[in-house]
């Protein structure tokens, strides 16, 4: 059996309506999903989380999709779009025949 390893990079655009990310939403998210804290750095971490969910295909970030920790995308003020024109692939050779 042949085994191959690749690093694949995609770019995703994440839009967040920061007025929807209230202290109450952040507190609930921090307690139930992951503690990102509050403030601007927390907003960046939320954007990264939403982007990751979108890229790996765990959730379609489209208007009527429900995303755990946020609710319905359109009501939560979140959207994510994988940028199809940006894609990189690199071969990673296994070490010691792994």
Protein backbone atom coordinates (compact mmCIF):
# COMPACT_ATOMS: atom_id res chain seq x y z
CA UNK A 1 0.00 0.00 0.00
CA UNK A 2 1.37 3.43 -0.93
CA UNK A 3 0.96 6.29 1.54
CA UNK A 4 1.32 9.94 0.57
CA UNK A 5 1.30 13.10 2.66
CA UNK A 6 0.44 16.58 1.38
CA UNK A 7 0.09 19.99 2.97
CA UNK A 8 -2.85 21.78 1.39
CA UNK A 9 -3.54 25.45 1.98
CA UNK A 10 -6.76 27.25 1.15
CA UNK A 11 -7.81 30.82 1.77
CA UNK A 12 -11.20 31.59 3.28
CA UNK A 13 -12.93 34.95 3.61
CA UNK A 14 -14.81 35.35 6.89
CA UNK A 15 -17.19 38.24 7.49
CA UNK A 16 -18.42 38.98 11.00
CA UNK A 17 -20.92 41.59 12.11
CA UNK A 18 -19.15 42.60 15.29
CA UNK A 19 -22.33 44.19 16.69
CA UNK A 20 -23.78 40.66 16.98
CA UNK A 21 -20.85 39.49 19.13
CA UNK A 22 -22.21 40.84 22.39
CA UNK A 23 -20.63 40.18 25.79
CA UNK A 24 -23.49 37.72 26.44
CA UNK A 25 -22.77 35.74 23.25
CA UNK A 26 -19.06 35.68 24.02
CA UNK A 27 -19.68 34.55 27.62
CA UNK A 28 -21.93 31.72 26.46
CA UNK A 29 -19.51 30.66 23.73
CA UNK A 30 -16.56 30.79 26.15
CA UNK A 31 -18.41 28.55 28.61
CA UNK A 32 -19.80 26.02 26.15
CA UNK A 33 -17.42 25.78 23.16
CA UNK A 34 -13.99 27.32 23.75
CA UNK A 35 -12.70 30.24 25.79
CA UNK A 36 -11.66 32.96 23.35
CA UNK A 37 -12.10 35.71 25.91
CA UNK A 38 -13.45 39.12 24.89
CA UNK A 39 -12.37 42.03 22.74
CA UNK A 40 -10.70 42.35 19.37
CA UNK A 41 -8.40 39.32 19.76
CA UNK A 42 -11.44 37.19 20.60
CA UNK A 43 -13.12 38.39 17.40
CA UNK A 44 -10.06 37.26 15.42
CA UNK A 45 -10.20 33.85 17.11
CA UNK A 46 -13.90 33.54 16.26
CA UNK A 47 -13.11 34.38 12.63
CA UNK A 48 -10.37 31.72 12.57
CA UNK A 49 -12.75 29.17 14.11
CA UNK A 50 -15.50 29.95 11.59
CA UNK A 51 -12.99 29.78 8.73
CA UNK A 52 -11.69 26.41 9.91
CA UNK A 53 -15.22 25.01 10.15
CA UNK A 54 -15.88 26.17 6.61
CA UNK A 55 -12.64 24.93 5.02
CA UNK A 56 -12.77 21.44 6.51
CA UNK A 57 -16.41 21.12 5.54
CA UNK A 58 -17.85 20.60 9.01
CA UNK A 59 -20.42 23.33 8.44
CA UNK A 60 -21.65 25.26 5.42
CA UNK A 61 -21.47 28.88 6.52
CA UNK A 62 -24.48 30.06 4.54
CA UNK A 63 -27.45 32.17 5.70
CA UNK A 64 -29.81 29.49 7.05
CA UNK A 65 -27.16 27.09 8.35
CA UNK A 66 -27.00 26.55 12.09
CA UNK A 67 -23.52 26.74 13.62
CA UNK A 68 -23.11 25.53 17.19
CA UNK A 69 -22.14 28.38 19.47
CA UNK A 70 -23.47 31.06 17.10
CA UNK A 71 -26.93 30.05 15.89
CA UNK A 72 -28.18 30.66 12.35
CA UNK A 73 -25.51 32.35 10.25
CA UNK A 74 -27.72 35.15 8.97
CA UNK A 75 -28.97 35.98 12.47
CA UNK A 76 -25.46 35.66 13.94
CA UNK A 77 -23.95 37.96 11.33
CA UNK A 78 -21.37 35.46 10.08
CA UNK A 79 -20.43 34.25 6.63
CA UNK A 80 -17.47 32.40 5.14
CA UNK A 81 -16.45 31.79 1.56
CA UNK A 82 -13.58 29.58 0.46
CA UNK A 83 -11.58 31.52 -2.12
CA UNK A 84 -11.44 29.07 -5.00
CA UNK A 85 -8.73 31.05 -6.80
CA UNK A 86 -6.21 30.44 -4.00
CA UNK A 87 -4.98 26.91 -3.47
CA UNK A 88 -1.51 25.60 -2.67
CA UNK A 89 -0.35 22.03 -2.41
CA UNK A 90 3.05 20.77 -1.28
CA UNK A 91 4.39 17.25 -1.05
CA UNK A 92 5.56 16.20 2.38
CA UNK A 93 7.84 13.20 2.26
CA UNK A 94 7.46 10.80 5.18
CA UNK A 95 10.36 10.33 7.56
CA UNK A 96 11.90 6.89 8.10
CA UNK A 97 9.41 5.24 5.78
CA UNK A 98 6.39 6.28 7.86
